[in-house]
C-alpha atoms as a PDB file:
ATOM      1  CA  UNK A   1      19.735  19.291 -70.963  1.00  0.00           C
ATOM      2  CA  UNK A   2      18.821  17.207 -67.905  1.00  0.00           C
ATOM      3  CA  UNK A   3      22.313  17.592 -66.427  1.00  0.00           C
ATOM      4  CA  UNK A   4      22.755  21.325 -67.108  1.00  0.00           C
ATOM      5  CA  UNK A   5      23.211  23.728 -64.206  1.00  0.00           C
ATOM      6  CA  UNK A   6      23.572  27.439 -63.574  1.00  0.00           C
ATOM      7  CA  UNK A   7      25.182  29.343 -60.692  1.00  0.00           C
ATOM      8  CA  UNK A   8      23.146  31.738 -58.622  1.00  0.00           C
ATOM      9  CA  UNK A   9      23.744  35.306 -59.807  1.00  0.00           C
ATOM     10  CA  UNK A  10      26.304  37.362 -57.866  1.00  0.00           C
ATOM     11  CA  UNK A  11      27.103  34.400 -55.613  1.00  0.00           C
ATOM     12  CA  UNK A  12      30.597  33.128 -56.526  1.00  0.00           C
ATOM     13  CA  UNK A  13      31.164  29.612 -55.317  1.00  0.00           C
ATOM     14  CA  UNK A  14      27.530  29.206 -54.310  1.00  0.00           C
ATOM     15  CA  UNK A  15      25.553  26.043 -54.812  1.00  0.00           C
ATOM     16  CA  UNK A  16      24.725  25.353 -58.441  1.00  0.00           C
ATOM     17  CA  UNK A  17      21.041  25.260 -59.329  1.00  0.00           C
ATOM     18  CA  UNK A  18      19.652  22.599 -61.603  1.00  0.00           C
ATOM     19  CA  UNK A  19      17.884  24.035 -64.638  1.00  0.00           C
ATOM     20  CA  UNK A  20      15.490  21.087 -64.613  1.00  0.00           C
ATOM     21  CA  UNK A  21      12.860  19.971 -62.093  1.00  0.00           C
ATOM     22  CA  UNK A  22      10.371  17.131 -62.475  1.00  0.00           C
ATOM     23  CA  UNK A  23       7.730  19.804 -63.143  1.00  0.00           C
ATOM     24  CA  UNK A  24       9.776  22.387 -65.032  1.00  0.00           C
ATOM     25  CA  UNK A  25      12.604  23.073 -67.462  1.00  0.00           C
ATOM     26  CA  UNK A  26      13.786  26.696 -67.508  1.00  0.00           C
ATOM     27  CA  UNK A  27      17.054  27.871 -69.031  1.00  0.00           C
ATOM     28  CA  UNK A  28      18.807  31.042 -70.097  1.00  0.00           C
ATOM     29  CA  UNK A  29      18.998  30.448 -73.826  1.00  0.00           C
ATOM     30  CA  UNK A  30      17.832  31.788 -77.168  1.00  0.00           C
ATOM     31  CA  UNK A  31      14.436  30.257 -77.921  1.00  0.00           C
ATOM     32  CA  UNK A  32      15.376  28.781 -81.316  1.00  0.00           C
ATOM     33  CA  UNK A  33      18.381  27.049 -79.767  1.00  0.00           C
ATOM     34  CA  UNK A  34      16.186  25.777 -76.945  1.00  0.00           C
ATOM     35  CA  UNK A  35      13.418  24.502 -79.216  1.00  0.00           C
ATOM     36  CA  UNK A  36      15.390  22.684 -81.916  1.00  0.00           C
ATOM     37  CA  UNK A  37      16.382  19.641 -79.799  1.00  0.00           C
ATOM     38  CA  UNK A  38      12.806  19.166 -78.504  1.00  0.00           C
ATOM     39  CA  UNK A  39      10.565  16.494 -79.992  1.00  0.00           C
ATOM     40  CA  UNK A  40       7.981  17.417 -82.608  1.00  0.00           C
ATOM     41  CA  UNK A  41       4.419  17.414 -81.275  1.00  0.00           C
ATOM     42  CA  UNK A  42       5.544  17.425 -77.645  1.00  0.00           C
ATOM     43  CA  UNK A  43       3.802  20.609 -76.429  1.00  0.00           C
ATOM     44  CA  UNK A  44       0.070  20.666 -75.749  1.00  0.00           C
ATOM     45  CA  UNK A  45      -0.002  24.413 -75.134  1.00  0.00           C
ATOM     46  CA  UNK A  46       2.425  27.076 -76.322  1.00  0.00           C
ATOM     47  CA  UNK A  47       1.558  30.333 -74.616  1.00  0.00           C
ATOM     48  CA  UNK A  48       3.664  33.455 -74.714  1.00  0.00           C
ATOM     49  CA  UNK A  49       3.906  37.204 -74.991  1.00  0.00           C
ATOM     50  CA  UNK A  50       6.778  38.068 -77.330  1.00  0.00           C
ATOM     51  CA  UNK A  51       8.546  41.443 -77.265  1.00  0.00           C
ATOM     52  CA  UNK A  52       6.582  44.164 -79.061  1.00  0.00           C
ATOM     53  CA  UNK A  53       9.702  45.733 -80.619  1.00  0.00           C
ATOM     54  CA  UNK A  54       9.182  49.008 -78.769  1.00  0.00           C
ATOM     55  CA  UNK A  55      12.582  49.209 -77.059  1.00  0.00           C
ATOM     56  CA  UNK A  56      11.985  47.675 -73.630  1.00  0.00           C
ATOM     57  CA  UNK A  57      15.180  46.938 -71.734  1.00  0.00           C
ATOM     58  CA  UNK A  58      15.015  43.204 -72.524  1.00  0.00           C
ATOM     59  CA  UNK A  59      14.783  43.693 -76.305  1.00  0.00           C
ATOM     60  CA  UNK A  60      16.747  45.367 -79.073  1.00  0.00           C
ATOM     61  CA  UNK A  61      14.514  47.522 -81.230  1.00  0.00           C
ATOM     62  CA  UNK A  62      14.726  46.757 -84.942  1.00  0.00           C
ATOM     63  CA  UNK A  63      12.869  47.598 -88.123  1.00  0.00           C
ATOM     64  CA  UNK A  64       9.397  46.109 -88.201  1.00  0.00           C
ATOM     65  CA  UNK A  65      10.298  43.922 -91.178  1.00  0.00           C
ATOM     66  CA  UNK A  66      13.229  42.382 -89.279  1.00  0.00           C
ATOM     67  CA  UNK A  67      11.015  41.822 -86.240  1.00  0.00           C
ATOM     68  CA  UNK A  68       8.442  39.984 -88.372  1.00  0.00           C
ATOM     69  CA  UNK A  69      11.164  37.819 -89.929  1.00  0.00           C
ATOM     70  CA  UNK A  70      12.356  36.768 -86.484  1.00  0.00           C
ATOM     71  CA  UNK A  71       8.813  36.036 -85.369  1.00  0.00           C
ATOM     72  CA  UNK A  72       8.362  33.952 -88.514  1.00  0.00           C
ATOM     73  CA  UNK A  73      11.252  31.672 -87.513  1.00  0.00           C
ATOM     74  CA  UNK A  74      10.079  31.333 -83.920  1.00  0.00           C
ATOM     75  CA  UNK A  75       6.473  30.623 -84.892  1.00  0.00           C
ATOM     76  CA  UNK A  76       7.537  27.985 -87.430  1.00  0.00           C
ATOM     77  CA  UNK A  77       9.485  26.125 -84.744  1.00  0.00           C
ATOM     78  CA  UNK A  78       6.574  26.435 -82.313  1.00  0.00           C
ATOM     79  CA  UNK A  79       4.250  24.870 -84.882  1.00  0.00           C
ATOM     80  CA  UNK A  80       6.661  21.937 -85.189  1.00  0.00           C
ATOM     81  CA  UNK A  81       6.558  21.417 -81.428  1.00  0.00           C
ATOM     82  CA  UNK A  82       2.775  21.714 -81.175  1.00  0.00           C
ATOM     83  CA  UNK A  83       0.802  18.566 -80.352  1.00  0.00           C
ATOM     84  CA  UNK A  84      -1.791  17.587 -83.013  1.00  0.00           C
ATOM     85  CA  UNK A  85      -4.558  18.438 -80.511  1.00  0.00           C
ATOM     86  CA  UNK A  86      -2.693  21.402 -79.042  1.00  0.00           C
ATOM     87  CA  UNK A  87      -3.079  25.167 -79.001  1.00  0.00           C
ATOM     88  CA  UNK A  88      -0.878  28.207 -79.527  1.00  0.00           C
ATOM     89  CA  UNK A  89      -1.817  31.388 -77.654  1.00  0.00           C
ATOM     90  CA  UNK A  90       0.159  34.432 -78.831  1.00  0.00           C
ATOM     91  CA  UNK A  91      -0.501  37.446 -76.598  1.00  0.00           C
ATOM     92  CA  UNK A  92       0.451  40.765 -78.184  1.00  0.00           C
ATOM     93  CA  UNK A  93      -0.206  44.474 -78.052  1.00  0.00           C
ATOM     94  CA  UNK A  94       0.864  47.233 -80.417  1.00  0.00           C
ATOM     95  CA  UNK A  95       4.132  48.167 -82.042  1.00  0.00           C
ATOM     96  CA  UNK A  96       4.607  51.936 -82.094  1.00  0.00           C
ATOM     97  CA  UNK A  97       6.645  53.920 -84.587  1.00  0.00           C
ATOM     98  CA  UNK A  98       6.722  57.725 -84.704  1.00  0.00           C
ATOM     99  CA  UNK A  99       3.366  57.918 -82.984  1.00  0.00           C
ATOM    100  CA  UNK A 100       1.699  55.447 -85.365  1.00  0.00           C
ATOM    101  CA  UNK A 101       0.116  52.269 -83.978  1.00  0.00           C
ATOM    102  CA  UNK A 102       0.696  48.878 -85.646  1.00  0.00           C
ATOM    103  CA  UNK A 103      -1.545  46.143 -84.119  1.00  0.00           C
ATOM    104  CA  UNK A 104       0.695  43.089 -83.848  1.00  0.00           C
ATOM    105  CA  UNK A 105      -2.161  40.591 -83.854  1.00  0.00           C
ATOM    106  CA  UNK A 106      -3.128  41.771 -87.347  1.00  0.00           C
ATOM    107  CA  UNK A 107       0.481  41.800 -88.535  1.00  0.00           C
ATOM    108  CA  UNK A 108       1.292  38.324 -87.187  1.00  0.00           C
ATOM    109  CA  UNK A 109      -2.007  36.587 -88.026  1.00  0.00           C
ATOM    110  CA  UNK A 110      -0.905  35.365 -91.446  1.00  0.00           C
ATOM    111  CA  UNK A 111       2.270  33.805 -90.022  1.00  0.00           C
ATOM    112  CA  UNK A 112       0.092  31.261 -88.229  1.00  0.00           C
ATOM    113  CA  UNK A 113      -2.329  30.839 -91.135  1.00  0.00           C
ATOM    114  CA  UNK A 114       0.591  30.072 -93.456  1.00  0.00           C
ATOM    115  CA  UNK A 115       1.107  26.916 -91.382  1.00  0.00           C
ATOM    116  CA  UNK A 116      -2.535  25.915 -91.701  1.00  0.00           C
ATOM    117  CA  UNK A 117      -3.450  26.779 -88.111  1.00  0.00           C
ATOM    118  CA  UNK A 118      -7.037  27.763 -87.343  1.00  0.00           C
ATOM    119  CA  UNK A 119      -8.006  30.767 -85.247  1.00  0.00           C
ATOM    120  CA  UNK A 120     -10.475  29.755 -82.535  1.00  0.00           C
ATOM    121  CA  UNK A 121     -10.712  33.046 -80.683  1.00  0.00           C
ATOM    122  CA  UNK A 122      -9.224  36.501 -80.629  1.00  0.00           C
ATOM    123  CA  UNK A 123      -9.347  37.097 -76.901  1.00  0.00           C
ATOM    124  CA  UNK A 124      -9.307  40.694 -75.728  1.00  0.00           C
ATOM    125  CA  UNK A 125      -7.460  41.188 -72.443  1.00  0.00           C
ATOM    126  CA  UNK A 126      -8.785  44.399 -70.906  1.00  0.00           C
ATOM    127  CA  UNK A 127      -7.112  46.197 -68.006  1.00  0.00           C
ATOM    128  CA  UNK A 128      -7.432  49.536 -66.244  1.00  0.00           C
ATOM    129  CA  UNK A 129      -3.863  50.792 -65.868  1.00  0.00           C
ATOM    130  CA  UNK A 130      -1.105  51.829 -68.254  1.00  0.00           C
ATOM    131  CA  UNK A 131       0.628  54.802 -69.810  1.00  0.00           C
ATOM    132  CA  UNK A 132      -1.423  57.971 -70.172  1.00  0.00           C
ATOM    133  CA  UNK A 133      -1.237  59.132 -73.782  1.00  0.00           C
ATOM    134  CA  UNK A 134      -1.479  62.792 -74.779  1.00  0.00           C
ATOM    135  CA  UNK A 135      -1.930  62.539 -78.562  1.00  0.00           C
ATOM    136  CA  UNK A 136      -4.210  59.485 -78.776  1.00  0.00           C
ATOM    137  CA  UNK A 137      -6.491  57.448 -76.543  1.00  0.00           C
ATOM    138  CA  UNK A 138      -4.627  55.475 -73.888  1.00  0.00           C
ATOM    139  CA  UNK A 139      -4.290  51.788 -74.679  1.00  0.00           C
ATOM    140  CA  UNK A 140      -6.156  49.606 -72.207  1.00  0.00           C
ATOM    141  CA  UNK A 141      -6.304  46.243 -73.920  1.00  0.00           C
ATOM    142  CA  UNK A 142      -4.155  43.654 -75.654  1.00  0.00           C
ATOM    143  CA  UNK A 143      -5.097  40.521 -77.544  1.00  0.00           C
ATOM    144  CA  UNK A 144      -4.481  36.780 -77.422  1.00  0.00           C
ATOM    145  CA  UNK A 145      -4.627  34.909 -80.710  1.00  0.00           C
ATOM    146  CA  UNK A 146      -5.698  31.324 -79.938  1.00  0.00           C
ATOM    147  CA  UNK A 147      -4.864  28.943 -82.768  1.00  0.00           C
ATOM    148  CA  UNK A 148      -5.224  25.165 -82.984  1.00  0.00           C
ATOM    149  CA  UNK A 149      -3.400  22.743 -85.208  1.00  0.00           C
ATOM    150  CA  UNK A 150      -6.535  20.896 -86.268  1.00  0.00           C
ATOM    151  CA  UNK A 151     -10.272  20.553 -85.741  1.00  0.00           C
ATOM    152  CA  UNK A 152      -9.806  18.082 -82.892  1.00  0.00           C
ATOM    153  CA  UNK A 153      -8.327  19.940 -79.957  1.00  0.00           C
ATOM    154  CA  UNK A 154      -8.476  20.038 -76.163  1.00  0.00           C
ATOM    155  CA  UNK A 155     -10.985  22.490 -74.746  1.00  0.00           C
ATOM    156  CA  UNK A 156     -12.288  22.245 -71.179  1.00  0.00           C
ATOM    157  CA  UNK A 157     -14.887  24.909 -70.445  1.00  0.00           C
ATOM    158  CA  UNK A 158     -15.982  23.928 -66.932  1.00  0.00           C
ATOM    159  CA  UNK A 159     -12.699  24.812 -65.114  1.00  0.00           C
ATOM    160  CA  UNK A 160     -12.825  28.400 -66.381  1.00  0.00           C
ATOM    161  CA  UNK A 161     -16.496  29.196 -65.976  1.00  0.00           C
ATOM    162  CA  UNK A 162     -17.258  32.431 -64.141  1.00  0.00           C
ATOM    163  CA  UNK A 163     -20.215  33.220 -61.856  1.00  0.00           C
ATOM    164  CA  UNK A 164     -23.577  33.704 -63.497  1.00  0.00           C
ATOM    165  CA  UNK A 165     -24.897  37.254 -63.465  1.00  0.00           C
ATOM    166  CA  UNK A 166     -28.335  35.939 -62.466  1.00  0.00           C
ATOM    167  CA  UNK A 167     -27.618  32.561 -60.832  1.00  0.00           C
ATOM    168  CA  UNK A 168     -31.206  32.025 -59.654  1.00  0.00           C
ATOM    169  CA  UNK A 169     -32.861  32.788 -62.979  1.00  0.00           C
ATOM    170  CA  UNK A 170     -35.465  30.144 -63.896  1.00  0.00           C
ATOM    171  CA  UNK A 171     -37.383  29.072 -66.985  1.00  0.00           C
ATOM    172  CA  UNK A 172     -40.724  30.855 -66.988  1.00  0.00           C
ATOM    173  CA  UNK A 173     -42.514  28.637 -69.496  1.00  0.00           C
ATOM    174  CA  UNK A 174     -42.257  25.324 -71.302  1.00  0.00           C
ATOM    175  CA  UNK A 175     -41.423  21.850 -69.957  1.00  0.00           C
ATOM    176  CA  UNK A 176     -38.610  23.218 -67.723  1.00  0.00           C
ATOM    177  CA  UNK A 177     -40.717  25.921 -66.081  1.00  0.00           C
ATOM    178  CA  UNK A 178     -39.465  26.670 -62.589  1.00  0.00           C
ATOM    179  CA  UNK A 179     -36.069  25.013 -63.151  1.00  0.00           C
ATOM    180  CA  UNK A 180     -32.808  26.913 -63.199  1.00  0.00           C
ATOM    181  CA  UNK A 181     -32.132  28.222 -66.707  1.00  0.00           C
ATOM    182  CA  UNK A 182     -28.396  28.720 -66.314  1.00  0.00           C
ATOM    183  CA  UNK A 183     -25.531  26.313 -65.759  1.00  0.00           C
ATOM    184  CA  UNK A 184     -24.986  25.974 -61.981  1.00  0.00           C
ATOM    185  CA  UNK A 185     -21.215  25.738 -62.575  1.00  0.00           C
ATOM    186  CA  UNK A 186     -21.185  29.245 -64.051  1.00  0.00           C
ATOM    187  CA  UNK A 187     -21.118  30.787 -67.491  1.00  0.00           C
ATOM    188  CA  UNK A 188     -18.684  30.863 -70.376  1.00  0.00           C
ATOM    189  CA  UNK A 189     -16.231  33.735 -69.685  1.00  0.00           C
ATOM    190  CA  UNK A 190     -16.516  34.993 -73.263  1.00  0.00           C
ATOM    191  CA  UNK A 191     -13.692  36.456 -75.311  1.00  0.00           C
ATOM    192  CA  UNK A 192     -13.206  39.686 -73.344  1.00  0.00           C
ATOM    193  CA  UNK A 193     -11.254  39.118 -70.131  1.00  0.00           C
ATOM    194  CA  UNK A 194     -10.898  41.873 -67.537  1.00  0.00           C
ATOM    195  CA  UNK A 195      -7.801  41.000 -65.530  1.00  0.00           C
ATOM    196  CA  UNK A 196      -5.484  43.524 -63.834  1.00  0.00           C
ATOM    197  CA  UNK A 197      -2.089  43.897 -65.476  1.00  0.00           C
ATOM    198  CA  UNK A 198       1.020  43.577 -63.330  1.00  0.00           C
ATOM    199  CA  UNK A 199       1.928  47.087 -62.266  1.00  0.00           C
ATOM    200  CA  UNK A 200       3.838  48.324 -59.221  1.00  0.00           C
ATOM    201  CA  UNK A 201       1.094  47.616 -56.673  1.00  0.00           C
ATOM    202  CA  UNK A 202       0.286  44.136 -58.037  1.00  0.00           C
ATOM    203  CA  UNK A 203       0.955  41.286 -55.617  1.00  0.00           C
ATOM    204  CA  UNK A 204       2.993  39.405 -58.254  1.00  0.00           C
ATOM    205  CA  UNK A 205       5.249  42.277 -59.359  1.00  0.00           C
ATOM    206  CA  UNK A 206       8.926  41.530 -59.996  1.00  0.00           C
ATOM    207  CA  UNK A 207      11.628  43.518 -61.825  1.00  0.00           C
ATOM    208  CA  UNK A 208      10.263  42.503 -65.240  1.00  0.00           C
ATOM    209  CA  UNK A 209       8.651  45.530 -66.959  1.00  0.00           C
ATOM    210  CA  UNK A 210       5.994  43.557 -68.904  1.00  0.00           C
ATOM    211  CA  UNK A 211       5.014  40.649 -66.690  1.00  0.00           C
ATOM    212  CA  UNK A 212       2.207  38.164 -67.390  1.00  0.00           C
ATOM    213  CA  UNK A 213      -0.427  37.968 -64.610  1.00  0.00           C
ATOM    214  CA  UNK A 214      -0.590  34.318 -63.616  1.00  0.00           C
ATOM    215  CA  UNK A 215      -4.392  34.200 -63.682  1.00  0.00           C
ATOM    216  CA  UNK A 216      -4.381  35.133 -67.378  1.00  0.00           C
ATOM    217  CA  UNK A 217      -2.279  32.057 -68.153  1.00  0.00           C
ATOM    218  CA  UNK A 218      -4.258  29.879 -65.728  1.00  0.00           C
ATOM    219  CA  UNK A 219      -7.401  30.174 -67.832  1.00  0.00           C
ATOM    220  CA  UNK A 220      -5.496  29.002 -70.883  1.00  0.00           C
ATOM    221  CA  UNK A 221      -3.743  26.166 -69.048  1.00  0.00           C
ATOM    222  CA  UNK A 222      -6.975  24.868 -67.516  1.00  0.00           C
ATOM    223  CA  UNK A 223      -9.061  25.122 -70.676  1.00  0.00           C
ATOM    224  CA  UNK A 224      -6.550  24.000 -73.308  1.00  0.00           C
ATOM    225  CA  UNK A 225      -4.601  21.234 -71.547  1.00  0.00           C
ATOM    226  CA  UNK A 226      -5.161  18.227 -69.321  1.00  0.00           C
ATOM    227  CA  UNK A 227      -3.298  17.068 -66.220  1.00  0.00           C
ATOM    228  CA  UNK A 228       0.221  15.955 -67.112  1.00  0.00           C
ATOM    229  CA  UNK A 229       0.418  17.868 -70.414  1.00  0.00           C
ATOM    230  CA  UNK A 230       3.393  20.015 -71.424  1.00  0.00           C
ATOM    231  CA  UNK A 231       3.150  23.821 -71.498  1.00  0.00           C
ATOM    232  CA  UNK A 232       5.836  25.896 -73.209  1.00  0.00           C
ATOM    233  CA  UNK A 233       6.681  29.618 -73.183  1.00  0.00           C
ATOM    234  CA  UNK A 234       9.419  30.598 -75.683  1.00  0.00           C
ATOM    235  CA  UNK A 235       9.660  34.120 -74.208  1.00  0.00           C
ATOM    236  CA  UNK A 236       9.439  33.050 -70.589  1.00  0.00           C
ATOM    237  CA  UNK A 237      10.367  36.245 -68.753  1.00  0.00           C
ATOM    238  CA  UNK A 238      10.004  35.571 -65.022  1.00  0.00           C
ATOM    239  CA  UNK A 239       8.153  32.309 -65.505  1.00  0.00           C
ATOM    240  CA  UNK A 240       4.468  33.126 -65.019  1.00  0.00           C
ATOM    241  CA  UNK A 241       3.404  30.492 -67.565  1.00  0.00           C
ATOM    242  CA  UNK A 242       5.599  27.833 -65.961  1.00  0.00           C
ATOM    243  CA  UNK A 243       4.219  28.621 -62.502  1.00  0.00           C
ATOM    244  CA  UNK A 244       0.660  28.496 -63.856  1.00  0.00           C
ATOM    245  CA  UNK A 245       1.414  25.076 -65.360  1.00  0.00           C
ATOM    246  CA  UNK A 246       2.838  23.769 -62.072  1.00  0.00           C
ATOM    247  CA  UNK A 247      -0.175  25.085 -60.150  1.00  0.00           C
ATOM    248  CA  UNK A 248      -2.380  22.725 -62.150  1.00  0.00           C
ATOM    249  CA  UNK A 249      -0.164  19.651 -62.448  1.00  0.00           C
ATOM    250  CA  UNK A 250       1.232  20.325 -65.904  1.00  0.00           C
ATOM    251  CA  UNK A 251       4.926  20.400 -66.790  1.00  0.00           C
ATOM    252  CA  UNK A 252       6.316  23.777 -67.834  1.00  0.00           C
ATOM    253  CA  UNK A 253       9.081  24.497 -70.322  1.00  0.00           C
ATOM    254  CA  UNK A 254      10.548  27.955 -70.839  1.00  0.00           C
ATOM    255  CA  UNK A 255      13.560  29.963 -71.885  1.00  0.00           C
ATOM    256  CA  UNK A 256      14.713  33.553 -71.780  1.00  0.00           C
ATOM    257  CA  UNK A 257      17.906  35.347 -72.751  1.00  0.00           C
ATOM    258  CA  UNK A 258      18.135  37.370 -69.509  1.00  0.00           C
ATOM    259  CA  UNK A 259      19.715  35.368 -66.690  1.00  0.00           C
ATOM    260  CA  UNK A 260      18.172  37.584 -64.007  1.00  0.00           C
ATOM    261  CA  UNK A 261      14.686  36.721 -65.250  1.00  0.00           C
ATOM    262  CA  UNK A 262      15.464  32.993 -65.314  1.00  0.00           C
ATOM    263  CA  UNK A 263      16.758  33.178 -61.739  1.00  0.00           C
ATOM    264  CA  UNK A 264      13.563  34.956 -60.645  1.00  0.00           C
ATOM    265  CA  UNK A 265      11.468  32.361 -62.491  1.00  0.00           C
ATOM    266  CA  UNK A 266      13.133  29.575 -60.494  1.00  0.00           C
ATOM    267  CA  UNK A 267      12.654  31.519 -57.259  1.00  0.00           C
ATOM    268  CA  UNK A 268       8.937  31.912 -57.999  1.00  0.00           C
ATOM    269  CA  UNK A 269       8.618  28.253 -58.975  1.00  0.00           C
ATOM    270  CA  UNK A 270      10.247  27.048 -55.754  1.00  0.00           C
ATOM    271  CA  UNK A 271       8.240  29.557 -53.699  1.00  0.00           C
ATOM    272  CA  UNK A 272       5.060  28.085 -55.157  1.00  0.00           C
ATOM    273  CA  UNK A 273       6.067  24.557 -54.162  1.00  0.00           C
ATOM    274  CA  UNK A 274       6.951  25.844 -50.695  1.00  0.00           C
ATOM    275  CA  UNK A 275       3.514  27.447 -50.392  1.00  0.00           C
ATOM    276  CA  UNK A 276       5.029  30.917 -50.165  1.00  0.00           C
ATOM    277  CA  UNK A 277       4.279  32.432 -53.588  1.00  0.00           C
ATOM    278  CA  UNK A 278       1.760  35.257 -53.452  1.00  0.00           C
ATOM    279  CA  UNK A 279      -0.549  35.367 -56.466  1.00  0.00           C
ATOM    280  CA  UNK A 280      -3.816  37.013 -57.388  1.00  0.00           C
ATOM    281  CA  UNK A 281      -6.472  34.258 -57.391  1.00  0.00           C
ATOM    282  CA  UNK A 282      -8.201  33.515 -60.661  1.00  0.00           C
ATOM    283  CA  UNK A 283     -11.619  35.192 -61.003  1.00  0.00           C
ATOM    284  CA  UNK A 284     -11.185  37.495 -57.998  1.00  0.00           C
ATOM    285  CA  UNK A 285     -13.451  40.532 -58.592  1.00  0.00           C
ATOM    286  CA  UNK A 286     -11.752  43.743 -59.660  1.00  0.00           C
ATOM    287  CA  UNK A 287     -11.182  46.056 -56.728  1.00  0.00           C
ATOM    288  CA  UNK A 288     -13.470  49.073 -56.713  1.00  0.00           C
ATOM    289  CA  UNK A 289     -12.490  51.910 -54.334  1.00  0.00           C
ATOM    290  CA  UNK A 290     -15.208  53.136 -51.998  1.00  0.00           C
ATOM    291  CA  UNK A 291     -16.493  56.658 -52.500  1.00  0.00           C
END
């Protein structure tokens, strides 16, 4: 893999681009084919958002049973790659069929449990924008299933703390009276995260129709890995997880079956290293229009 190259799209005879950097490996390849040569236990964090089987342009819609079977194979290979102290974060929404909603986190949960993984959190990602439904309430959240391989796992809370609501609150009685009662580094962000999704006016928007916001992945990278660890996204898209890994001195691995997305992922990766990539900073307050 280290010697593989790809030509820039629509540029005959142009310089060939390496598919490997010291901080990243990104290729246009089916995820099972990409994963099988990799070493067992080599990935500290596997974070992804698989297709929801709703007919987006990058996926072929199939029967729900066939979709689950494919997810079963991918998840099994991800478990093989997962470090003993590592985490899998599977971010999903809903599958829709004839107006009926099928929550994918509920449907896929047992696929992880069958491998003995343990659910640490069901994180709710809440956002303000999306399709406006006419026959049901509009969906404004998705979920991240965070599983670990064992009871000993990496978890760093301090890098993802958020500002205290009452930072100057003090103990009013007892031996600590008058001292600050809250952690000066901030509070635990909880399991409901309000982060804007990547729509047309988002600073990170590319051609991908269902793009990960980098700050969503940043929280997972910072809390569930350490410097130098490997981060893998088996449904890479335009490389948000790999960029988030590089931003915090981790090595990113990813694959996608759409060459255009892989090319964009490399462009974003190199833009980051050049200091030119525009991203929404982690923990920036949600914009509220003035009246």
